[in-house]
Amino acid sequence: MPNVYEQVKQALQDVVAPEIKELRVEIRRMDEKIDSLDKRLSEKIDSLDQRLNEKIDSLDQRLNEKIDSLDQRLNEKIDFALEFRERLVTLETRVSSLSR
């Protein structure tokens, strides 16, 4: 007659060992699913990152163009104001010399 230790050992081998093997298989499948999901998520994040970078670059370019345009217009206005001031000084000088 087998002793209690042998009976418990045999019961563990008969019942627990197959369950452990099934759990290992299930864990491997879950790991594969997680790896697959991680890969898909990484691809989507990379795609989104690329699209956002393209949008930011486009907005940056448009903003730079607008700033350049405003800078040019401001310079034209400043040039006009300086020319106007010079003409005004010339007129004031003429009027002043006529008054004497």
PDB file of N, CA and C in Angstrom:
ATOM      1  N   MET A   1       0.846  -1.173   0.000  1.00  0.00           N
ATOM      2  CA  MET A   1       0.000   0.000   0.000  1.00  0.00           C
ATOM      3  C   MET A   1       0.897   1.244   0.000  1.00  0.00           C
ATOM      4  N   PRO A   2       0.624   2.160  -0.991  1.00  0.00           N
ATOM      5  CA  PRO A   2       1.457   3.356  -1.073  1.00  0.00           C
ATOM      6  C   PRO A   2       1.245   4.251   0.145  1.00  0.00           C
ATOM      7  N   ASN A   3       2.306   4.907   0.552  1.00  0.00           N
ATOM      8  CA  ASN A   3       2.187   5.788   1.709  1.00  0.00           C
ATOM      9  C   ASN A   3       1.531   7.103   1.296  1.00  0.00           C
ATOM     10  N   VAL A   4       1.208   7.930   2.282  1.00  0.00           N
ATOM     11  CA  VAL A   4       0.488   9.184   2.065  1.00  0.00           C
ATOM     12  C   VAL A   4       1.304  10.116   1.177  1.00  0.00           C
ATOM     13  N   TYR A   5       2.587  10.172   1.395  1.00  0.00           N
ATOM     14  CA  TYR A   5       3.450  11.040   0.584  1.00  0.00           C
ATOM     15  C   TYR A   5       3.345  10.681  -0.886  1.00  0.00           C
ATOM     16  N   GLU A   6       3.425   9.398  -1.177  1.00  0.00           N
ATOM     17  CA  GLU A   6       3.346   8.940  -2.567  1.00  0.00           C
ATOM     18  C   GLU A   6       1.966   9.243  -3.148  1.00  0.00           C
ATOM     19  N   GLN A   7       0.930   9.108  -2.344  1.00  0.00           N
ATOM     20  CA  GLN A   7      -0.425   9.393  -2.815  1.00  0.00           C
ATOM     21  C   GLN A   7      -0.586  10.888  -3.149  1.00  0.00           C
ATOM     22  N   VAL A   8      -0.085  11.731  -2.262  1.00  0.00           N
ATOM     23  CA  VAL A   8      -0.170  13.178  -2.483  1.00  0.00           C
ATOM     24  C   VAL A   8       0.663  13.551  -3.699  1.00  0.00           C
ATOM     25  N   LYS A   9       1.849  12.986  -3.789  1.00  0.00           N
ATOM     26  CA  LYS A   9       2.727  13.269  -4.922  1.00  0.00           C
ATOM     27  C   LYS A   9       2.052  12.859  -6.222  1.00  0.00           C
ATOM     28  N   GLN A  10       1.448  11.689  -6.250  1.00  0.00           N
ATOM     29  CA  GLN A  10       0.769  11.207  -7.457  1.00  0.00           C
ATOM     30  C   GLN A  10      -0.438  12.086  -7.782  1.00  0.00           C
ATOM     31  N   ALA A  11      -1.161  12.523  -6.775  1.00  0.00           N
ATOM     32  CA  ALA A  11      -2.327  13.389  -6.987  1.00  0.00           C
ATOM     33  C   ALA A  11      -1.887  14.720  -7.580  1.00  0.00           C
ATOM     34  N   LEU A  12      -0.796  15.272  -7.054  1.00  0.00           N
ATOM     35  CA  LEU A  12      -0.269  16.525  -7.594  1.00  0.00           C
ATOM     36  C   LEU A  12       0.152  16.343  -9.042  1.00  0.00           C
ATOM     37  N   GLN A  13       0.815  15.270  -9.349  1.00  0.00           N
ATOM     38  CA  GLN A  13       1.253  15.024 -10.714  1.00  0.00           C
ATOM     39  C   GLN A  13       0.060  14.806 -11.643  1.00  0.00           C
ATOM     40  N   ASP A  14      -0.963  14.151 -11.149  1.00  0.00           N
ATOM     41  CA  ASP A  14      -2.130  13.851 -11.977  1.00  0.00           C
ATOM     42  C   ASP A  14      -3.042  15.063 -12.170  1.00  0.00           C
ATOM     43  N   VAL A  15      -3.165  15.908 -11.161  1.00  0.00           N
ATOM     44  CA  VAL A  15      -4.123  17.007 -11.211  1.00  0.00           C
ATOM     45  C   VAL A  15      -3.440  18.351 -11.439  1.00  0.00           C
ATOM     46  N   VAL A  16      -2.452  18.661 -10.651  1.00  0.00           N
ATOM     47  CA  VAL A  16      -1.854  19.997 -10.675  1.00  0.00           C
ATOM     48  C   VAL A  16      -0.922  20.183 -11.872  1.00  0.00           C
ATOM     49  N   ALA A  17      -0.106  19.200 -12.177  1.00  0.00           N
ATOM     50  CA  ALA A  17       0.861  19.336 -13.263  1.00  0.00           C
ATOM     51  C   ALA A  17       0.183  19.669 -14.596  1.00  0.00           C
ATOM     52  N   PRO A  18      -0.892  18.972 -14.999  1.00  0.00           N
ATOM     53  CA  PRO A  18      -1.555  19.335 -16.258  1.00  0.00           C
ATOM     54  C   PRO A  18      -2.134  20.755 -16.223  1.00  0.00           C
ATOM     55  N   GLU A  19      -2.640  21.162 -15.071  1.00  0.00           N
ATOM     56  CA  GLU A  19      -3.173  22.527 -14.929  1.00  0.00           C
ATOM     57  C   GLU A  19      -2.063  23.559 -15.105  1.00  0.00           C
ATOM     58  N   ILE A  20      -0.907  23.265 -14.523  1.00  0.00           N
ATOM     59  CA  ILE A  20       0.232  24.177 -14.652  1.00  0.00           C
ATOM     60  C   ILE A  20       0.649  24.273 -16.120  1.00  0.00           C
ATOM     61  N   LYS A  21       0.677  23.140 -16.818  1.00  0.00           N
ATOM     62  CA  LYS A  21       1.031  23.155 -18.239  1.00  0.00           C
ATOM     63  C   LYS A  21       0.018  23.990 -19.030  1.00  0.00           C
ATOM     64  N   GLU A  22      -1.266  23.825 -18.737  1.00  0.00           N
ATOM     65  CA  GLU A  22      -2.296  24.612 -19.423  1.00  0.00           C
ATOM     66  C   GLU A  22      -2.129  26.101 -19.133  1.00  0.00           C
ATOM     67  N   LEU A  23      -1.812  26.425 -17.897  1.00  0.00           N
ATOM     68  CA  LEU A  23      -1.596  27.826 -17.531  1.00  0.00           C
ATOM     69  C   LEU A  23      -0.388  28.403 -18.279  1.00  0.00           C
ATOM     70  N   ARG A  24       0.660  27.602 -18.419  1.00  0.00           N
ATOM     71  CA  ARG A  24       1.834  28.066 -19.158  1.00  0.00           C
ATOM     72  C   ARG A  24       1.483  28.350 -20.617  1.00  0.00           C
ATOM     73  N   VAL A  25       0.700  27.479 -21.205  1.00  0.00           N
ATOM     74  CA  VAL A  25       0.270  27.687 -22.597  1.00  0.00           C
ATOM     75  C   VAL A  25      -0.573  28.956 -22.689  1.00  0.00           C
ATOM     76  N   GLU A  26      -1.470  29.129 -21.755  1.00  0.00           N
ATOM     77  CA  GLU A  26      -2.331  30.323 -21.756  1.00  0.00           C
ATOM     78  C   GLU A  26      -1.495  31.589 -21.552  1.00  0.00           C
ATOM     79  N   ILE A  27      -0.531  31.516 -20.680  1.00  0.00           N
ATOM     80  CA  ILE A  27       0.356  32.674 -20.449  1.00  0.00           C
ATOM     81  C   ILE A  27       1.116  33.007 -21.722  1.00  0.00           C
ATOM     82  N   ARG A  28       1.612  32.001 -22.433  1.00  0.00           N
ATOM     83  CA  ARG A  28       2.306  32.252 -23.704  1.00  0.00           C
ATOM     84  C   ARG A  28       1.386  32.927 -24.715  1.00  0.00           C
ATOM     85  N   ARG A  29       0.141  32.442 -24.792  1.00  0.00           N
ATOM     86  CA  ARG A  29      -0.821  33.062 -25.719  1.00  0.00           C
ATOM     87  C   ARG A  29      -1.090  34.507 -25.323  1.00  0.00           C
ATOM     88  N   MET A  30      -1.221  34.763 -24.039  1.00  0.00           N
ATOM     89  CA  MET A  30      -1.451  36.133 -23.576  1.00  0.00           C
ATOM     90  C   MET A  30      -0.242  37.015 -23.884  1.00  0.00           C
ATOM     91  N   ASP A  31       0.950  36.475 -23.700  1.00  0.00           N
ATOM     92  CA  ASP A  31       2.176  37.229 -24.042  1.00  0.00           C
ATOM     93  C   ASP A  31       2.188  37.581 -25.525  1.00  0.00           C
ATOM     94  N   GLU A  32       1.825  36.629 -26.371  1.00  0.00           N
ATOM     95  CA  GLU A  32       1.786  36.885 -27.813  1.00  0.00           C
ATOM     96  C   GLU A  32       0.756  37.963 -28.147  1.00  0.00           C
ATOM     97  N   LYS A  33      -0.414  37.889 -27.504  1.00  0.00           N
ATOM     98  CA  LYS A  33      -1.446  38.913 -27.730  1.00  0.00           C
ATOM     99  C   LYS A  33      -0.950  40.286 -27.278  1.00  0.00           C
ATOM    100  N   ILE A  34      -0.327  40.323 -26.130  1.00  0.00           N
ATOM    101  CA  ILE A  34       0.195  41.594 -25.607  1.00  0.00           C
ATOM    102  C   ILE A  34       1.258  42.143 -26.549  1.00  0.00           C
ATOM    103  N   ASP A  35       2.164  41.271 -27.024  1.00  0.00           N
ATOM    104  CA  ASP A  35       3.197  41.710 -27.959  1.00  0.00           C
ATOM    105  C   ASP A  35       2.571  42.253 -29.240  1.00  0.00           C
ATOM    106  N   SER A  36       1.547  41.562 -29.732  1.00  0.00           N
ATOM    107  CA  SER A  36       0.862  42.007 -30.945  1.00  0.00           C
ATOM    108  C   SER A  36       0.187  43.359 -30.733  1.00  0.00           C
ATOM    109  N   LEU A  37      -0.503  43.503 -29.617  1.00  0.00           N
ATOM    110  CA  LEU A  37      -1.161  44.772 -29.309  1.00  0.00           C
ATOM    111  C   LEU A  37      -0.137  45.888 -29.113  1.00  0.00           C
ATOM    112  N   ASP A  38       0.971  45.559 -28.465  1.00  0.00           N
ATOM    113  CA  ASP A  38       2.033  46.547 -28.255  1.00  0.00           C
ATOM    114  C   ASP A  38       2.599  47.019 -29.591  1.00  0.00           C
ATOM    115  N   LYS A  39       2.790  46.078 -30.509  1.00  0.00           N
ATOM    116  CA  LYS A  39       3.308  46.435 -31.830  1.00  0.00           C
ATOM    117  C   LYS A  39       2.318  47.331 -32.569  1.00  0.00           C
ATOM    118  N   ARG A  40       1.045  46.961 -32.554  1.00  0.00           N
ATOM    119  CA  ARG A  40       0.025  47.768 -33.240  1.00  0.00           C
ATOM    120  C   ARG A  40      -0.084  49.153 -32.612  1.00  0.00           C
ATOM    121  N   LEU A  41      -0.046  49.210 -31.300  1.00  0.00           N
ATOM    122  CA  LEU A  41      -0.124  50.500 -30.617  1.00  0.00           C
ATOM    123  C   LEU A  41       1.087  51.367 -30.945  1.00  0.00           C
ATOM    124  N   SER A  42       2.263  50.760 -30.967  1.00  0.00           N
ATOM    125  CA  SER A  42       3.478  51.505 -31.320  1.00  0.00           C
ATOM    126  C   SER A  42       3.386  52.049 -32.738  1.00  0.00           C
ATOM    127  N   GLU A  43       2.867  51.249 -33.662  1.00  0.00           N
ATOM    128  CA  GLU A  43       2.711  51.694 -35.044  1.00  0.00           C
ATOM    129  C   GLU A  43       1.735  52.865 -35.128  1.00  0.00           C
ATOM    130  N   LYS A  44       0.633  52.765 -34.399  1.00  0.00           N
ATOM    131  CA  LYS A  44      -0.347  53.855 -34.416  1.00  0.00           C
ATOM    132  C   LYS A  44       0.233  55.123 -33.794  1.00  0.00           C
ATOM    133  N   ILE A  45       0.970  54.970 -32.712  1.00  0.00           N
ATOM    134  CA  ILE A  45       1.589  56.131 -32.066  1.00  0.00           C
ATOM    135  C   ILE A  45       2.618  56.762 -33.002  1.00  0.00           C
ATOM    136  N   ASP A  46       3.412  55.930 -33.668  1.00  0.00           N
ATOM    137  CA  ASP A  46       4.400  56.456 -34.616  1.00  0.00           C
ATOM    138  C   ASP A  46       3.717  57.203 -35.751  1.00  0.00           C
ATOM    139  N   SER A  47       2.624  56.639 -36.248  1.00  0.00           N
ATOM    140  CA  SER A  47       1.874  57.292 -37.326  1.00  0.00           C
ATOM    141  C   SER A  47       1.313  58.627 -36.856  1.00  0.00           C
ATOM    142  N   LEU A  48       0.741  58.632 -35.683  1.00  0.00           N
ATOM    143  CA  LEU A  48       0.191  59.871 -35.127  1.00  0.00           C
ATOM    144  C   LEU A  48       1.296  60.897 -34.905  1.00  0.00           C
ATOM    145  N   ASP A  49       2.428  60.450 -34.405  1.00  0.00           N
ATOM    146  CA  ASP A  49       3.569  61.338 -34.186  1.00  0.00           C
ATOM    147  C   ASP A  49       4.028  61.960 -35.500  1.00  0.00           C
ATOM    148  N   GLN A  50       4.093  61.142 -36.534  1.00  0.00           N
ATOM    149  CA  GLN A  50       4.505  61.648 -37.850  1.00  0.00           C
ATOM    150  C   GLN A  50       3.497  62.675 -38.367  1.00  0.00           C
ATOM    151  N   ARG A  51       2.203  62.376 -38.243  1.00  0.00           N
ATOM    152  CA  ARG A  51       1.180  63.314 -38.710  1.00  0.00           C
ATOM    153  C   ARG A  51       1.222  64.620 -37.929  1.00  0.00           C
ATOM    154  N   LEU A  52       1.411  64.525 -36.634  1.00  0.00           N
ATOM    155  CA  LEU A  52       1.498  65.742 -35.823  1.00  0.00           C
ATOM    156  C   LEU A  52       2.728  66.565 -36.195  1.00  0.00           C
ATOM    157  N   ASN A  53       3.850  65.898 -36.419  1.00  0.00           N
ATOM    158  CA  ASN A  53       5.052  66.617 -36.828  1.00  0.00           C
ATOM    159  C   ASN A  53       4.854  67.317 -38.163  1.00  0.00           C
ATOM    160  N   GLU A  54       4.175  66.643 -39.088  1.00  0.00           N
ATOM    161  CA  GLU A  54       3.891  67.264 -40.382  1.00  0.00           C
ATOM    162  C   GLU A  54       2.999  68.489 -40.212  1.00  0.00           C
ATOM    163  N   LYS A  55       1.975  68.370 -39.376  1.00  0.00           N
ATOM    164  CA  LYS A  55       1.080  69.505 -39.131  1.00  0.00           C
ATOM    165  C   LYS A  55       1.840  70.656 -38.481  1.00  0.00           C
ATOM    166  N   ILE A  56       2.661  70.342 -37.498  1.00  0.00           N
ATOM    167  CA  ILE A  56       3.431  71.379 -36.808  1.00  0.00           C
ATOM    168  C   ILE A  56       4.389  72.055 -37.785  1.00  0.00           C
ATOM    169  N   ASP A  57       5.048  71.256 -38.625  1.00  0.00           N
ATOM    170  CA  ASP A  57       5.961  71.833 -39.615  1.00  0.00           C
ATOM    171  C   ASP A  57       5.205  72.744 -40.578  1.00  0.00           C
ATOM    172  N   SER A  58       4.029  72.305 -41.002  1.00  0.00           N
ATOM    173  CA  SER A  58       3.217  73.110 -41.916  1.00  0.00           C
ATOM    174  C   SER A  58       2.793  74.418 -41.255  1.00  0.00           C
ATOM    175  N   LEU A  59       2.329  74.327 -40.024  1.00  0.00           N
ATOM    176  CA  LEU A  59       1.924  75.535 -39.298  1.00  0.00           C
ATOM    177  C   LEU A  59       3.117  76.457 -39.062  1.00  0.00           C
ATOM    178  N   ASP A  60       4.255  75.868 -38.749  1.00  0.00           N
ATOM    179  CA  ASP A  60       5.467  76.662 -38.532  1.00  0.00           C
ATOM    180  C   ASP A  60       5.852  77.411 -39.805  1.00  0.00           C
ATOM    181  N   GLN A  61       5.766  76.726 -40.934  1.00  0.00           N
ATOM    182  CA  GLN A  61       6.103  77.361 -42.206  1.00  0.00           C
ATOM    183  C   GLN A  61       5.127  78.493 -42.517  1.00  0.00           C
ATOM    184  N   ARG A  62       3.841  78.237 -42.325  1.00  0.00           N
ATOM    185  CA  ARG A  62       2.840  79.282 -42.582  1.00  0.00           C
ATOM    186  C   ARG A  62       3.029  80.469 -41.654  1.00  0.00           C
ATOM    187  N   LEU A  63       3.333  80.199 -40.397  1.00  0.00           N
ATOM    188  CA  LEU A  63       3.558  81.269 -39.442  1.00  0.00           C
ATOM    189  C   LEU A  63       4.781  82.094 -39.840  1.00  0.00           C
ATOM    190  N   ASN A  64       5.852  81.422 -40.234  1.00  0.00           N
ATOM    191  CA  ASN A  64       7.049  82.136 -40.677  1.00  0.00           C
ATOM    192  C   ASN A  64       6.763  83.004 -41.897  1.00  0.00           C
ATOM    193  N   GLU A  65       5.970  82.482 -42.826  1.00  0.00           N
ATOM    194  CA  GLU A  65       5.609  83.264 -44.010  1.00  0.00           C
ATOM    195  C   GLU A  65       4.817  84.509 -43.618  1.00  0.00           C
ATOM    196  N   LYS A  66       3.876  84.334 -42.703  1.00  0.00           N
ATOM    197  CA  LYS A  66       3.075  85.477 -42.257  1.00  0.00           C
ATOM    198  C   LYS A  66       3.942  86.502 -41.531  1.00  0.00           C
ATOM    199  N   ILE A  67       4.838  86.027 -40.688  1.00  0.00           N
ATOM    200  CA  ILE A  67       5.740  86.935 -39.966  1.00  0.00           C
ATOM    201  C   ILE A  67       6.621  87.688 -40.963  1.00  0.00           C
ATOM    202  N   ASP A  68       7.152  86.961 -41.948  1.00  0.00           N
ATOM    203  CA  ASP A  68       7.975  87.617 -42.970  1.00  0.00           C
ATOM    204  C   ASP A  68       7.166  88.673 -43.721  1.00  0.00           C
ATOM    205  N   SER A  69       5.933  88.344 -44.054  1.00  0.00           N
ATOM    206  CA  SER A  69       5.063  89.286 -44.762  1.00  0.00           C
ATOM    207  C   SER A  69       4.794  90.521 -43.903  1.00  0.00           C
ATOM    208  N   LEU A  70       4.485  90.295 -42.637  1.00  0.00           N
ATOM    209  CA  LEU A  70       4.252  91.422 -41.728  1.00  0.00           C
ATOM    210  C   LEU A  70       5.512  92.256 -41.545  1.00  0.00           C
ATOM    211  N   ASP A  71       6.647  91.607 -41.459  1.00  0.00           N
ATOM    212  CA  ASP A  71       7.919  92.311 -41.320  1.00  0.00           C
ATOM    213  C   ASP A  71       8.175  93.191 -42.545  1.00  0.00           C
ATOM    214  N   GLN A  72       7.913  92.642 -43.713  1.00  0.00           N
ATOM    215  CA  GLN A  72       8.105  93.413 -44.939  1.00  0.00           C
ATOM    216  C   GLN A  72       7.159  94.618 -44.976  1.00  0.00           C
ATOM    217  N   ARG A  73       5.900  94.389 -44.626  1.00  0.00           N
ATOM    218  CA  ARG A  73       4.935  95.491 -44.615  1.00  0.00           C
ATOM    219  C   ARG A  73       5.324  96.550 -43.595  1.00  0.00           C
ATOM    220  N   LEU A  74       5.778  96.119 -42.426  1.00  0.00           N
ATOM    221  CA  LEU A  74       6.200  97.064 -41.396  1.00  0.00           C
ATOM    222  C   LEU A  74       7.401  97.879 -41.872  1.00  0.00           C
ATOM    223  N   ASN A  75       8.350  97.218 -42.508  1.00  0.00           N
ATOM    224  CA  ASN A  75       9.508  97.933 -43.041  1.00  0.00           C
ATOM    225  C   ASN A  75       9.092  98.954 -44.098  1.00  0.00           C
ATOM    226  N   GLU A  76       8.118  98.586 -44.934  1.00  0.00           N
ATOM    227  CA  GLU A  76       7.616  99.531 -45.936  1.00  0.00           C
ATOM    228  C   GLU A  76       6.979 100.742 -45.254  1.00  0.00           C
ATOM    229  N   LYS A  77       6.214 100.483 -44.194  1.00  0.00           N
ATOM    230  CA  LYS A  77       5.563 101.584 -43.460  1.00  0.00           C
ATOM    231  C   LYS A  77       6.615 102.474 -42.791  1.00  0.00           C
ATOM    232  N   ILE A  78       7.634 101.848 -42.222  1.00  0.00           N
ATOM    233  CA  ILE A  78       8.702 102.620 -41.580  1.00  0.00           C
ATOM    234  C   ILE A  78       9.427 103.465 -42.620  1.00  0.00           C
ATOM    235  N   ASP A  79       9.729 102.858 -43.766  1.00  0.00           N
ATOM    236  CA  ASP A  79      10.392 103.612 -44.841  1.00  0.00           C
ATOM    237  C   ASP A  79       9.531 104.801 -45.274  1.00  0.00           C
ATOM    238  N   PHE A  80       8.227 104.549 -45.403  1.00  0.00           N
ATOM    239  CA  PHE A  80       7.314 105.630 -45.787  1.00  0.00           C
ATOM    240  C   PHE A  80       7.326 106.735 -44.721  1.00  0.00           C
ATOM    241  N   ALA A  81       7.266 106.332 -43.453  1.00  0.00           N
ATOM    242  CA  ALA A  81       7.245 107.311 -42.364  1.00  0.00           C
ATOM    243  C   ALA A  81       8.539 108.126 -42.339  1.00  0.00           C
ATOM    244  N   LEU A  82       9.670 107.491 -42.560  1.00  0.00           N
ATOM    245  CA  LEU A  82      10.948 108.212 -42.577  1.00  0.00           C
ATOM    246  C   LEU A  82      11.013 109.185 -43.758  1.00  0.00           C
ATOM    247  N   GLU A  83      10.542 108.721 -44.906  1.00  0.00           N
ATOM    248  CA  GLU A  83      10.525 109.605 -46.077  1.00  0.00           C
ATOM    249  C   GLU A  83       9.584 110.782 -45.840  1.00  0.00           C
ATOM    250  N   PHE A  84       8.422 110.501 -45.254  1.00  0.00           N
ATOM    251  CA  PHE A  84       7.461 111.555 -44.951  1.00  0.00           C
ATOM    252  C   PHE A  84       8.066 112.564 -43.976  1.00  0.00           C
ATOM    253  N   ARG A  85       8.769 112.057 -42.961  1.00  0.00           N
ATOM    254  CA  ARG A  85       9.410 112.935 -41.976  1.00  0.00           C
ATOM    255  C   ARG A  85      10.460 113.824 -42.640  1.00  0.00           C
ATOM    256  N   GLU A  86      11.254 113.243 -43.532  1.00  0.00           N
ATOM    257  CA  GLU A  86      12.268 114.024 -44.239  1.00  0.00           C
ATOM    258  C   GLU A  86      11.615 115.141 -45.069  1.00  0.00           C
ATOM    259  N   ARG A  87      10.536 114.808 -45.738  1.00  0.00           N
ATOM    260  CA  ARG A  87       9.834 115.813 -46.534  1.00  0.00           C
ATOM    261  C   ARG A  87       9.264 116.907 -45.634  1.00  0.00           C
ATOM    262  N   LEU A  88       8.732 116.491 -44.493  1.00  0.00           N
ATOM    263  CA  LEU A  88       8.159 117.453 -43.554  1.00  0.00           C
ATOM    264  C   LEU A  88       9.246 118.398 -43.034  1.00  0.00           C
ATOM    265  N   VAL A  89      10.405 117.861 -42.709  1.00  0.00           N
ATOM    266  CA  VAL A  89      11.517 118.686 -42.237  1.00  0.00           C
ATOM    267  C   VAL A  89      11.934 119.666 -43.338  1.00  0.00           C
ATOM    268  N   THR A  90      11.984 119.175 -44.570  1.00  0.00           N
ATOM    269  CA  THR A  90      12.338 120.051 -45.696  1.00  0.00           C
ATOM    270  C   THR A  90      11.325 121.176 -45.839  1.00  0.00           C
ATOM    271  N   LEU A  91      10.029 120.851 -45.735  1.00  0.00           N
ATOM    272  CA  LEU A  91       8.980 121.872 -45.837  1.00  0.00           C
ATOM    273  C   LEU A  91       9.068 122.866 -44.680  1.00  0.00           C
ATOM    274  N   GLU A  92       9.307 122.332 -43.472  1.00  0.00           N
ATOM    275  CA  GLU A  92       9.428 123.231 -42.324  1.00  0.00           C
ATOM    276  C   GLU A  92      10.609 124.180 -42.502  1.00  0.00           C
ATOM    277  N   THR A  93      11.695 123.673 -43.032  1.00  0.00           N
ATOM    278  CA  THR A  93      12.870 124.515 -43.274  1.00  0.00           C
ATOM    279  C   THR A  93      12.543 125.595 -44.300  1.00  0.00           C
ATOM    280  N   ARG A  94      11.851 125.257 -45.367  1.00  0.00           N
ATOM    281  CA  ARG A  94      11.479 126.232 -46.390  1.00  0.00           C
ATOM    282  C   ARG A  94      10.552 127.293 -45.815  1.00  0.00           C
ATOM    283  N   VAL A  95       9.547 126.806 -45.045  1.00  0.00           N
ATOM    284  CA  VAL A  95       8.596 127.765 -44.451  1.00  0.00           C
ATOM    285  C   VAL A  95       9.323 128.671 -43.470  1.00  0.00           C
ATOM    286  N   SER A  96      10.209 128.122 -42.708  1.00  0.00           N
ATOM    287  CA  SER A  96      10.975 128.909 -41.752  1.00  0.00           C
ATOM    288  C   SER A  96      11.846 129.954 -42.456  1.00  0.00           C
ATOM    289  N   SER A  97      12.453 129.576 -43.580  1.00  0.00           N
ATOM    290  CA  SER A  97      13.304 130.534 -44.294  1.00  0.00           C
ATOM    291  C   SER A  97      12.461 131.620 -44.982  1.00  0.00           C
ATOM    292  N   LEU A  98      11.246 131.336 -45.322  1.00  0.00           N
ATOM    293  CA  LEU A  98      10.351 132.324 -45.921  1.00  0.00           C
ATOM    294  C   LEU A  98       9.856 133.323 -44.892  1.00  0.00           C
ATOM    295  N   SER A  99       9.746 132.853 -43.666  1.00  0.00           N
ATOM    296  CA  SER A  99       9.238 133.709 -42.598  1.00  0.00           C
ATOM    297  C   SER A  99      10.249 134.740 -42.181  1.00  0.00           C
ATOM    298  N   ARG A 100      11.449 134.613 -42.440  1.00  0.00           N
ATOM    299  CA  ARG A 100      12.483 135.532 -41.994  1.00  0.00           C
ATOM    300  C   ARG A 100      12.579 136.718 -42.863  1.00  0.00           C
TER     301      ARG A 100
END
